Amino acid sequence: MINADGSGLTRLPNEDYSWYPDWAPDSRRIVFVRVVNGLSQLFIIDADGTHEVKLSTAAAHEFQPSWSPLP
């Protein structure tokens, strides 16, 4: 994330090997893929970089997550 004037660069999530970020429709969270033990797994994080949660539970590869639109 970065401010419109180019200041305040914050890397979300703050970890290497994270890909395919997608903002939630309400702009409060981000879903992304991270490699864990050789498997691509889904994670979600709040837009401020807190409350990271692993969503994947199976030993499978996950790719290119996206949010469904708000009703």
N, C-alpha and C. Protein backbone atom coordinates (compact mmCIF):
# COMPACT_ATOMS: atom_id res chain seq x y z
N MET A 1 0.84 -1.16 0.00
CA MET A 1 0.00 0.00 0.00
C MET A 1 0.89 1.23 0.00
N ILE A 2 0.37 2.31 -0.62
CA ILE A 2 1.14 3.55 -0.69
C ILE A 2 0.16 4.72 -0.80
N ASN A 3 0.51 5.83 -0.22
CA ASN A 3 -0.33 7.02 -0.33
C ASN A 3 -0.27 7.56 -1.76
N ALA A 4 -1.26 8.35 -2.12
CA ALA A 4 -1.34 8.89 -3.48
C ALA A 4 -0.12 9.74 -3.83
N ASP A 5 0.51 10.36 -2.83
CA ASP A 5 1.69 11.20 -3.09
C ASP A 5 2.99 10.40 -3.13
N GLY A 6 2.90 9.06 -2.98
CA GLY A 6 4.08 8.21 -3.05
C GLY A 6 4.73 7.95 -1.69
N SER A 7 4.22 8.54 -0.64
CA SER A 7 4.79 8.34 0.69
C SER A 7 4.09 7.17 1.38
N GLY A 8 4.65 6.76 2.50
CA GLY A 8 4.01 5.77 3.35
C GLY A 8 3.92 4.38 2.77
N LEU A 9 4.94 3.94 2.04
CA LEU A 9 4.93 2.60 1.46
C LEU A 9 4.87 1.55 2.56
N THR A 10 3.89 0.66 2.49
CA THR A 10 3.74 -0.45 3.42
C THR A 10 3.53 -1.71 2.61
N ARG A 11 4.35 -2.69 2.85
CA ARG A 11 4.24 -3.96 2.13
C ARG A 11 3.24 -4.85 2.85
N LEU A 12 2.19 -5.22 2.15
CA LEU A 12 1.16 -6.10 2.71
C LEU A 12 0.98 -7.30 1.80
N PRO A 13 1.06 -8.48 2.27
CA PRO A 13 1.55 -8.86 3.59
C PRO A 13 3.05 -8.66 3.67
N ASN A 14 3.56 -8.57 4.86
CA ASN A 14 4.98 -8.29 5.06
C ASN A 14 5.78 -9.59 5.06
N GLU A 15 5.80 -10.27 3.92
CA GLU A 15 6.47 -11.56 3.80
C GLU A 15 6.77 -11.82 2.33
N ASP A 16 7.92 -12.41 2.06
CA ASP A 16 8.24 -12.82 0.69
C ASP A 16 7.38 -14.02 0.30
N TYR A 17 7.33 -14.29 -0.96
CA TYR A 17 6.61 -15.44 -1.51
C TYR A 17 5.10 -15.35 -1.29
N SER A 18 4.56 -14.15 -1.42
CA SER A 18 3.11 -13.94 -1.37
C SER A 18 2.68 -13.36 -2.71
N TRP A 19 1.61 -13.92 -3.28
CA TRP A 19 1.19 -13.52 -4.62
C TRP A 19 -0.32 -13.36 -4.71
N TYR A 20 -0.75 -12.85 -5.84
CA TYR A 20 -2.15 -12.73 -6.25
C TYR A 20 -3.04 -12.02 -5.22
N PRO A 21 -2.64 -10.84 -4.75
CA PRO A 21 -3.50 -10.14 -3.79
C PRO A 21 -4.79 -9.67 -4.46
N ASP A 22 -5.87 -9.67 -3.69
CA ASP A 22 -7.14 -9.15 -4.18
C ASP A 22 -7.86 -8.48 -3.01
N TRP A 23 -8.21 -7.21 -3.22
CA TRP A 23 -8.91 -6.44 -2.19
C TRP A 23 -10.35 -6.89 -2.08
N ALA A 24 -10.86 -6.94 -0.84
CA ALA A 24 -12.28 -7.22 -0.60
C ALA A 24 -13.10 -6.07 -1.15
N PRO A 25 -14.34 -6.32 -1.55
CA PRO A 25 -15.19 -5.26 -2.08
C PRO A 25 -15.37 -4.08 -1.12
N ASP A 26 -15.28 -4.34 0.20
CA ASP A 26 -15.42 -3.26 1.18
C ASP A 26 -14.08 -2.59 1.51
N SER A 27 -12.99 -3.02 0.86
CA SER A 27 -11.64 -2.47 1.02
C SER A 27 -11.07 -2.64 2.42
N ARG A 28 -11.62 -3.55 3.20
CA ARG A 28 -11.14 -3.75 4.57
C ARG A 28 -10.16 -4.91 4.71
N ARG A 29 -10.13 -5.82 3.72
CA ARG A 29 -9.27 -7.00 3.81
C ARG A 29 -8.66 -7.32 2.45
N ILE A 30 -7.63 -8.14 2.48
CA ILE A 30 -6.95 -8.59 1.26
C ILE A 30 -6.79 -10.10 1.36
N VAL A 31 -7.12 -10.80 0.30
CA VAL A 31 -6.85 -12.23 0.21
C VAL A 31 -5.63 -12.40 -0.69
N PHE A 32 -4.78 -13.39 -0.39
CA PHE A 32 -3.56 -13.59 -1.17
C PHE A 32 -3.11 -15.04 -1.04
N VAL A 33 -2.13 -15.40 -1.84
CA VAL A 33 -1.55 -16.75 -1.83
C VAL A 33 -0.12 -16.65 -1.30
N ARG A 34 0.23 -17.60 -0.44
CA ARG A 34 1.61 -17.69 0.07
C ARG A 34 2.02 -19.16 0.00
N VAL A 35 3.28 -19.40 -0.33
CA VAL A 35 3.81 -20.76 -0.35
C VAL A 35 4.22 -21.14 1.07
N VAL A 36 3.64 -22.25 1.55
CA VAL A 36 3.94 -22.78 2.88
C VAL A 36 4.29 -24.25 2.71
N ASN A 37 5.49 -24.61 3.10
CA ASN A 37 5.94 -26.01 2.98
C ASN A 37 5.74 -26.55 1.57
N GLY A 38 6.03 -25.72 0.57
CA GLY A 38 5.95 -26.14 -0.82
C GLY A 38 4.57 -26.11 -1.43
N LEU A 39 3.54 -25.71 -0.67
CA LEU A 39 2.18 -25.65 -1.18
C LEU A 39 1.69 -24.21 -1.20
N SER A 40 0.95 -23.84 -2.23
CA SER A 40 0.35 -22.52 -2.33
C SER A 40 -0.92 -22.51 -1.50
N GLN A 41 -0.98 -21.66 -0.48
CA GLN A 41 -2.09 -21.63 0.46
C GLN A 41 -2.74 -20.24 0.48
N LEU A 42 -4.05 -20.19 0.77
CA LEU A 42 -4.77 -18.92 0.84
C LEU A 42 -4.69 -18.32 2.23
N PHE A 43 -4.50 -16.99 2.26
CA PHE A 43 -4.49 -16.23 3.50
C PHE A 43 -5.36 -15.00 3.32
N ILE A 44 -5.79 -14.43 4.43
CA ILE A 44 -6.53 -13.17 4.43
C ILE A 44 -5.87 -12.28 5.49
N ILE A 45 -5.84 -10.98 5.22
CA ILE A 45 -5.22 -10.03 6.15
C ILE A 45 -6.04 -8.75 6.12
N ASP A 46 -6.12 -8.08 7.27
CA ASP A 46 -6.78 -6.77 7.30
C ASP A 46 -5.95 -5.77 6.51
N ALA A 47 -6.57 -4.75 5.99
CA ALA A 47 -5.89 -3.76 5.15
C ALA A 47 -4.78 -3.01 5.88
N ASP A 48 -4.83 -3.00 7.21
CA ASP A 48 -3.76 -2.34 7.97
C ASP A 48 -2.61 -3.29 8.30
N GLY A 49 -2.66 -4.52 7.77
CA GLY A 49 -1.58 -5.48 7.97
C GLY A 49 -1.72 -6.35 9.20
N THR A 50 -2.84 -6.26 9.91
CA THR A 50 -3.05 -7.05 11.11
C THR A 50 -4.01 -8.21 10.84
N HIS A 51 -4.12 -9.09 11.79
CA HIS A 51 -5.08 -10.19 11.79
C HIS A 51 -4.96 -11.11 10.56
N GLU A 52 -3.76 -11.57 10.31
CA GLU A 52 -3.57 -12.52 9.21
C GLU A 52 -4.11 -13.89 9.60
N VAL A 53 -4.86 -14.51 8.69
CA VAL A 53 -5.46 -15.82 8.94
C VAL A 53 -5.25 -16.70 7.72
N LYS A 54 -4.81 -17.92 7.96
CA LYS A 54 -4.67 -18.91 6.88
C LYS A 54 -6.05 -19.51 6.63
N LEU A 55 -6.50 -19.48 5.37
CA LEU A 55 -7.80 -20.02 5.01
C LEU A 55 -7.73 -21.46 4.52
N SER A 56 -6.64 -21.84 3.88
CA SER A 56 -6.50 -23.18 3.32
C SER A 56 -6.34 -24.20 4.43
N THR A 57 -7.01 -25.34 4.28
CA THR A 57 -6.85 -26.42 5.25
C THR A 57 -6.37 -27.71 4.59
N ALA A 58 -6.53 -27.81 3.29
CA ALA A 58 -6.14 -29.03 2.58
C ALA A 58 -4.70 -28.92 2.07
N ALA A 59 -4.09 -30.07 1.85
CA ALA A 59 -2.75 -30.11 1.26
C ALA A 59 -2.89 -30.00 -0.25
N ALA A 60 -3.24 -28.82 -0.72
CA ALA A 60 -3.46 -28.59 -2.15
C ALA A 60 -2.90 -27.23 -2.52
N HIS A 61 -2.73 -27.03 -3.80
CA HIS A 61 -2.25 -25.73 -4.29
C HIS A 61 -3.45 -24.82 -4.56
N GLU A 62 -3.37 -23.59 -4.09
CA GLU A 62 -4.40 -22.57 -4.32
C GLU A 62 -3.79 -21.48 -5.18
N PHE A 63 -4.56 -20.94 -6.14
CA PHE A 63 -4.05 -19.90 -7.01
C PHE A 63 -5.11 -18.85 -7.29
N GLN A 64 -4.70 -17.64 -7.47
CA GLN A 64 -5.50 -16.51 -7.92
C GLN A 64 -6.86 -16.38 -7.24
N PRO A 65 -6.87 -16.14 -5.93
CA PRO A 65 -8.14 -15.97 -5.24
C PRO A 65 -8.81 -14.65 -5.65
N SER A 66 -10.11 -14.60 -5.50
CA SER A 66 -10.84 -13.35 -5.75
C SER A 66 -12.09 -13.34 -4.88
N TRP A 67 -12.59 -12.16 -4.62
CA TRP A 67 -13.78 -11.98 -3.78
C TRP A 67 -15.03 -12.00 -4.64
N SER A 68 -16.11 -12.45 -4.08
CA SER A 68 -17.41 -12.31 -4.73
C SER A 68 -17.90 -10.90 -4.44
N PRO A 69 -18.65 -10.30 -5.36
CA PRO A 69 -19.15 -8.95 -5.13
C PRO A 69 -20.12 -8.93 -3.94
N LEU A 70 -20.20 -7.77 -3.31
CA LEU A 70 -21.19 -7.60 -2.24
C LEU A 70 -22.59 -7.66 -2.81
N PRO A 71 -23.54 -8.22 -2.05
CA PRO A 71 -24.92 -8.30 -2.56
C PRO A 71 -25.56 -6.92 -2.68
